[in-house]
């Protein structure tokens, strides 16, 4: 399980770096084409929007796996005795997994299915919107895995 966790983290880190790099190149190209060439590219704004969606949702899933690395308001949690703190952290992880399952996996899966079935495409890139939205159920599954992993880690402490 630790190997899967580490591999998943490395894959997500790599994807985040690639997406961010492409986003920077895209925005720089948009500025250069608008002010130097005098005509902005038609796809740059749409690509920036889609890459921000992917960057945000994938980043949220990644941060969920980094138990110590994200911003949290844990003042009250740290005031609890150790046993109650672990129990509360497990409840929080389970609630996040349930949210990810219901909202992201089921709801996001329905969104992907609906947009693919209706054949909706983006206006500039002509990309099926179901592909853009597919990051939501995928990251829901990743969040569920990380929550399960975090509960296992809490049981070991």
C-alpha atoms as a PDB file:
ATOM      1  CA  UNK A   1       0.000   0.000   0.000  1.00  0.00           C
ATOM      2  CA  UNK A   2       2.911   2.328   0.762  1.00  0.00           C
ATOM      3  CA  UNK A   3       4.348   1.693  -2.716  1.00  0.00           C
ATOM      4  CA  UNK A   4       1.008   2.553  -4.329  1.00  0.00           C
ATOM      5  CA  UNK A   5       0.783   5.714  -2.213  1.00  0.00           C
ATOM      6  CA  UNK A   6       4.303   6.814  -3.174  1.00  0.00           C
ATOM      7  CA  UNK A   7       3.791   5.998  -6.871  1.00  0.00           C
ATOM      8  CA  UNK A   8       0.477   7.857  -6.969  1.00  0.00           C
ATOM      9  CA  UNK A   9       2.072  10.887  -5.324  1.00  0.00           C
ATOM     10  CA  UNK A  10       4.913  10.918  -7.865  1.00  0.00           C
ATOM     11  CA  UNK A  11       2.502  10.610 -10.799  1.00  0.00           C
ATOM     12  CA  UNK A  12       0.299  13.417  -9.495  1.00  0.00           C
ATOM     13  CA  UNK A  13       3.326  15.624  -8.774  1.00  0.00           C
ATOM     14  CA  UNK A  14       4.546  15.104 -12.331  1.00  0.00           C
ATOM     15  CA  UNK A  15       1.133  15.854 -13.806  1.00  0.00           C
ATOM     16  CA  UNK A  16       0.823  19.012 -11.727  1.00  0.00           C
ATOM     17  CA  UNK A  17       4.226  20.235 -12.902  1.00  0.00           C
ATOM     18  CA  UNK A  18       3.388  19.482 -16.553  1.00  0.00           C
ATOM     19  CA  UNK A  19      -0.037  21.163 -16.354  1.00  0.00           C
ATOM     20  CA  UNK A  20       1.410  24.216 -14.618  1.00  0.00           C
ATOM     21  CA  UNK A  21       4.221  24.462 -17.174  1.00  0.00           C
ATOM     22  CA  UNK A  22       1.740  24.249 -20.052  1.00  0.00           C
ATOM     23  CA  UNK A  23      -0.421  26.876 -18.378  1.00  0.00           C
ATOM     24  CA  UNK A  24       2.525  29.266 -18.083  1.00  0.00           C
ATOM     25  CA  UNK A  25       3.489  28.720 -21.730  1.00  0.00           C
ATOM     26  CA  UNK A  26      -0.130  29.217 -22.789  1.00  0.00           C
ATOM     27  CA  UNK A  27      -0.563  32.487 -20.893  1.00  0.00           C
ATOM     28  CA  UNK A  28       2.805  33.834 -22.103  1.00  0.00           C
ATOM     29  CA  UNK A  29       1.823  32.979 -25.675  1.00  0.00           C
ATOM     30  CA  UNK A  30      -1.521  34.716 -25.199  1.00  0.00           C
ATOM     31  CA  UNK A  31       0.198  37.906 -24.006  1.00  0.00           C
ATOM     32  CA  UNK A  32       2.844  37.794 -26.759  1.00  0.00           C
ATOM     33  CA  UNK A  33       0.306  37.144 -29.497  1.00  0.00           C
ATOM     34  CA  UNK A  34      -1.973  39.913 -28.276  1.00  0.00           C
ATOM     35  CA  UNK A  35       0.615  42.654 -27.783  1.00  0.00           C
ATOM     36  CA  UNK A  36       3.404  41.735 -30.203  1.00  0.00           C
ATOM     37  CA  UNK A  37       1.516  40.136 -33.056  1.00  0.00           C
ATOM     38  CA  UNK A  38      -1.627  42.213 -32.487  1.00  0.00           C
ATOM     39  CA  UNK A  39      -4.025  39.285 -32.646  1.00  0.00           C
ATOM     40  CA  UNK A  40      -4.685  36.852 -29.806  1.00  0.00           C
ATOM     41  CA  UNK A  41      -4.942  33.129 -30.437  1.00  0.00           C
ATOM     42  CA  UNK A  42      -8.408  31.685 -30.229  1.00  0.00           C
ATOM     43  CA  UNK A  43      -7.535  28.636 -28.148  1.00  0.00           C
ATOM     44  CA  UNK A  44      -5.370  30.141 -25.389  1.00  0.00           C
ATOM     45  CA  UNK A  45      -8.139  31.355 -23.103  1.00  0.00           C
ATOM     46  CA  UNK A  46     -10.029  28.081 -23.309  1.00  0.00           C
ATOM     47  CA  UNK A  47      -6.885  26.022 -22.742  1.00  0.00           C
ATOM     48  CA  UNK A  48      -6.007  28.180 -19.717  1.00  0.00           C
ATOM     49  CA  UNK A  49      -9.485  27.650 -18.273  1.00  0.00           C
ATOM     50  CA  UNK A  50      -9.370  23.883 -18.740  1.00  0.00           C
ATOM     51  CA  UNK A  51      -5.850  23.562 -17.372  1.00  0.00           C
ATOM     52  CA  UNK A  52      -6.846  25.598 -14.307  1.00  0.00           C
ATOM     53  CA  UNK A  53      -9.726  23.203 -13.707  1.00  0.00           C
ATOM     54  CA  UNK A  54      -7.379  20.230 -13.896  1.00  0.00           C
ATOM     55  CA  UNK A  55      -4.692  21.942 -11.812  1.00  0.00           C
ATOM     56  CA  UNK A  56      -7.141  22.864  -9.058  1.00  0.00           C
ATOM     57  CA  UNK A  57      -8.954  19.549  -8.770  1.00  0.00           C
ATOM     58  CA  UNK A  58      -5.806  17.435  -9.107  1.00  0.00           C
ATOM     59  CA  UNK A  59      -4.002  19.708  -6.647  1.00  0.00           C
ATOM     60  CA  UNK A  60      -6.824  19.265  -4.129  1.00  0.00           C
ATOM     61  CA  UNK A  61      -6.539  15.494  -4.427  1.00  0.00           C
ATOM     62  CA  UNK A  62      -2.761  15.683  -4.024  1.00  0.00           C
ATOM     63  CA  UNK A  63      -3.001  17.885  -0.939  1.00  0.00           C
ATOM     64  CA  UNK A  64      -5.494  15.472   0.601  1.00  0.00           C
ATOM     65  CA  UNK A  65      -2.811  12.805   0.434  1.00  0.00           C
ATOM     66  CA  UNK A  66      -0.254  15.068   2.101  1.00  0.00           C
ATOM     67  CA  UNK A  67      -1.563  14.776   5.634  1.00  0.00           C
ATOM     68  CA  UNK A  68       0.816  17.346   7.108  1.00  0.00           C
ATOM     69  CA  UNK A  69       1.224  19.586   4.083  1.00  0.00           C
ATOM     70  CA  UNK A  70      -2.072  21.411   3.810  1.00  0.00           C
ATOM     71  CA  UNK A  71      -3.571  24.386   5.525  1.00  0.00           C
ATOM     72  CA  UNK A  72      -6.013  23.404   8.207  1.00  0.00           C
ATOM     73  CA  UNK A  73      -7.613  24.858  11.260  1.00  0.00           C
ATOM     74  CA  UNK A  74      -6.539  22.304  13.820  1.00  0.00           C
ATOM     75  CA  UNK A  75      -6.417  24.457  16.948  1.00  0.00           C
ATOM     76  CA  UNK A  76      -9.389  22.699  18.535  1.00  0.00           C
ATOM     77  CA  UNK A  77      -8.251  19.313  17.284  1.00  0.00           C
ATOM     78  CA  UNK A  78      -4.863  19.716  18.980  1.00  0.00           C
ATOM     79  CA  UNK A  79      -6.584  20.522  22.286  1.00  0.00           C
ATOM     80  CA  UNK A  80      -8.169  17.052  22.367  1.00  0.00           C
ATOM     81  CA  UNK A  81      -6.531  14.101  24.127  1.00  0.00           C
ATOM     82  CA  UNK A  82      -4.641  11.731  21.803  1.00  0.00           C
ATOM     83  CA  UNK A  83      -7.357   9.042  21.639  1.00  0.00           C
ATOM     84  CA  UNK A  84     -10.136  11.530  20.839  1.00  0.00           C
ATOM     85  CA  UNK A  85      -7.917  13.321  18.321  1.00  0.00           C
ATOM     86  CA  UNK A  86      -7.290  10.103  16.378  1.00  0.00           C
ATOM     87  CA  UNK A  87     -10.967   9.255  16.421  1.00  0.00           C
ATOM     88  CA  UNK A  88     -11.881  12.731  15.216  1.00  0.00           C
ATOM     89  CA  UNK A  89      -9.267  12.568  12.443  1.00  0.00           C
ATOM     90  CA  UNK A  90     -10.677   9.213  11.323  1.00  0.00           C
ATOM     91  CA  UNK A  91     -14.194  10.676  11.217  1.00  0.00           C
ATOM     92  CA  UNK A  92     -12.910  13.602   9.142  1.00  0.00           C
ATOM     93  CA  UNK A  93     -11.148  11.248   6.702  1.00  0.00           C
ATOM     94  CA  UNK A  94     -14.254   9.077   6.370  1.00  0.00           C
ATOM     95  CA  UNK A  95     -16.413  12.172   5.786  1.00  0.00           C
ATOM     96  CA  UNK A  96     -14.012  13.346   3.066  1.00  0.00           C
ATOM     97  CA  UNK A  97     -14.106   9.913   1.433  1.00  0.00           C
ATOM     98  CA  UNK A  98     -17.916   9.884   1.506  1.00  0.00           C
ATOM     99  CA  UNK A  99     -18.052  13.387   0.043  1.00  0.00           C
ATOM    100  CA  UNK A 100     -15.586  12.393  -2.673  1.00  0.00           C
ATOM    101  CA  UNK A 101     -17.643   9.306  -3.486  1.00  0.00           C
ATOM    102  CA  UNK A 102     -21.068  10.928  -3.575  1.00  0.00           C
ATOM    103  CA  UNK A 103     -20.240  14.309  -5.079  1.00  0.00           C
ATOM    104  CA  UNK A 104     -17.122  13.702  -7.144  1.00  0.00           C
ATOM    105  CA  UNK A 105     -17.345  10.073  -8.251  1.00  0.00           C
ATOM    106  CA  UNK A 106     -21.110   9.682  -8.650  1.00  0.00           C
ATOM    107  CA  UNK A 107     -21.972  13.311  -9.478  1.00  0.00           C
ATOM    108  CA  UNK A 108     -18.869  13.872 -11.576  1.00  0.00           C
ATOM    109  CA  UNK A 109     -19.376  10.549 -13.316  1.00  0.00           C
ATOM    110  CA  UNK A 110     -22.928  11.575 -14.220  1.00  0.00           C
ATOM    111  CA  UNK A 111     -21.620  14.898 -15.534  1.00  0.00           C
ATOM    112  CA  UNK A 112     -19.003  13.164 -17.686  1.00  0.00           C
ATOM    113  CA  UNK A 113     -21.539  10.650 -18.974  1.00  0.00           C
ATOM    114  CA  UNK A 114     -24.096  13.346 -19.783  1.00  0.00           C
ATOM    115  CA  UNK A 115     -21.689  15.643 -21.610  1.00  0.00           C
ATOM    116  CA  UNK A 116     -20.203  12.771 -23.610  1.00  0.00           C
ATOM    117  CA  UNK A 117     -23.628  11.403 -24.447  1.00  0.00           C
ATOM    118  CA  UNK A 118     -24.861  14.810 -25.601  1.00  0.00           C
ATOM    119  CA  UNK A 119     -21.702  15.329 -27.628  1.00  0.00           C
ATOM    120  CA  UNK A 120     -20.851  18.688 -26.089  1.00  0.00           C
ATOM    121  CA  UNK A 121     -17.547  20.088 -27.303  1.00  0.00           C
ATOM    122  CA  UNK A 122     -15.563  23.189 -26.451  1.00  0.00           C
ATOM    123  CA  UNK A 123     -15.836  26.031 -28.918  1.00  0.00           C
ATOM    124  CA  UNK A 124     -12.173  26.749 -29.672  1.00  0.00           C
ATOM    125  CA  UNK A 125     -10.392  23.440 -29.074  1.00  0.00           C
ATOM    126  CA  UNK A 126     -13.306  21.238 -30.247  1.00  0.00           C
ATOM    127  CA  UNK A 127     -12.531  18.943 -27.326  1.00  0.00           C
ATOM    128  CA  UNK A 128     -15.352  16.831 -25.861  1.00  0.00           C
ATOM    129  CA  UNK A 129     -16.224  18.451 -22.528  1.00  0.00           C
ATOM    130  CA  UNK A 130     -16.594  15.034 -20.948  1.00  0.00           C
ATOM    131  CA  UNK A 131     -12.812  14.669 -21.220  1.00  0.00           C
ATOM    132  CA  UNK A 132     -12.301  17.959 -19.421  1.00  0.00           C
ATOM    133  CA  UNK A 133     -14.726  17.013 -16.650  1.00  0.00           C
ATOM    134  CA  UNK A 134     -13.324  13.484 -16.304  1.00  0.00           C
ATOM    135  CA  UNK A 135     -10.781  14.805 -13.817  1.00  0.00           C
ATOM    136  CA  UNK A 136     -13.555  15.182 -11.209  1.00  0.00           C
ATOM    137  CA  UNK A 137     -14.484  11.487 -10.755  1.00  0.00           C
ATOM    138  CA  UNK A 138     -10.840  10.475 -11.171  1.00  0.00           C
ATOM    139  CA  UNK A 139      -9.753  12.786  -8.372  1.00  0.00           C
ATOM    140  CA  UNK A 140     -12.703  11.603  -6.294  1.00  0.00           C
ATOM    141  CA  UNK A 141     -11.267   8.091  -6.487  1.00  0.00           C
ATOM    142  CA  UNK A 142      -7.809   9.422  -5.602  1.00  0.00           C
ATOM    143  CA  UNK A 143      -9.205  11.300  -2.588  1.00  0.00           C
ATOM    144  CA  UNK A 144     -10.972   8.140  -1.464  1.00  0.00           C
ATOM    145  CA  UNK A 145      -7.720   6.184  -1.704  1.00  0.00           C
ATOM    146  CA  UNK A 146      -5.782   8.841   0.208  1.00  0.00           C
ATOM    147  CA  UNK A 147      -8.483   9.003   2.905  1.00  0.00           C
ATOM    148  CA  UNK A 148      -8.380   5.231   3.277  1.00  0.00           C
ATOM    149  CA  UNK A 149      -4.580   5.381   3.447  1.00  0.00           C
ATOM    150  CA  UNK A 150      -4.722   8.139   6.087  1.00  0.00           C
ATOM    151  CA  UNK A 151      -7.135   6.113   8.239  1.00  0.00           C
ATOM    152  CA  UNK A 152      -4.769   3.117   7.998  1.00  0.00           C
ATOM    153  CA  UNK A 153      -1.874   5.354   9.080  1.00  0.00           C
ATOM    154  CA  UNK A 154      -3.905   6.643  12.053  1.00  0.00           C
ATOM    155  CA  UNK A 155      -4.600   3.044  13.114  1.00  0.00           C
ATOM    156  CA  UNK A 156      -0.867   2.310  13.130  1.00  0.00           C
ATOM    157  CA  UNK A 157       0.012   5.210  15.430  1.00  0.00           C
END
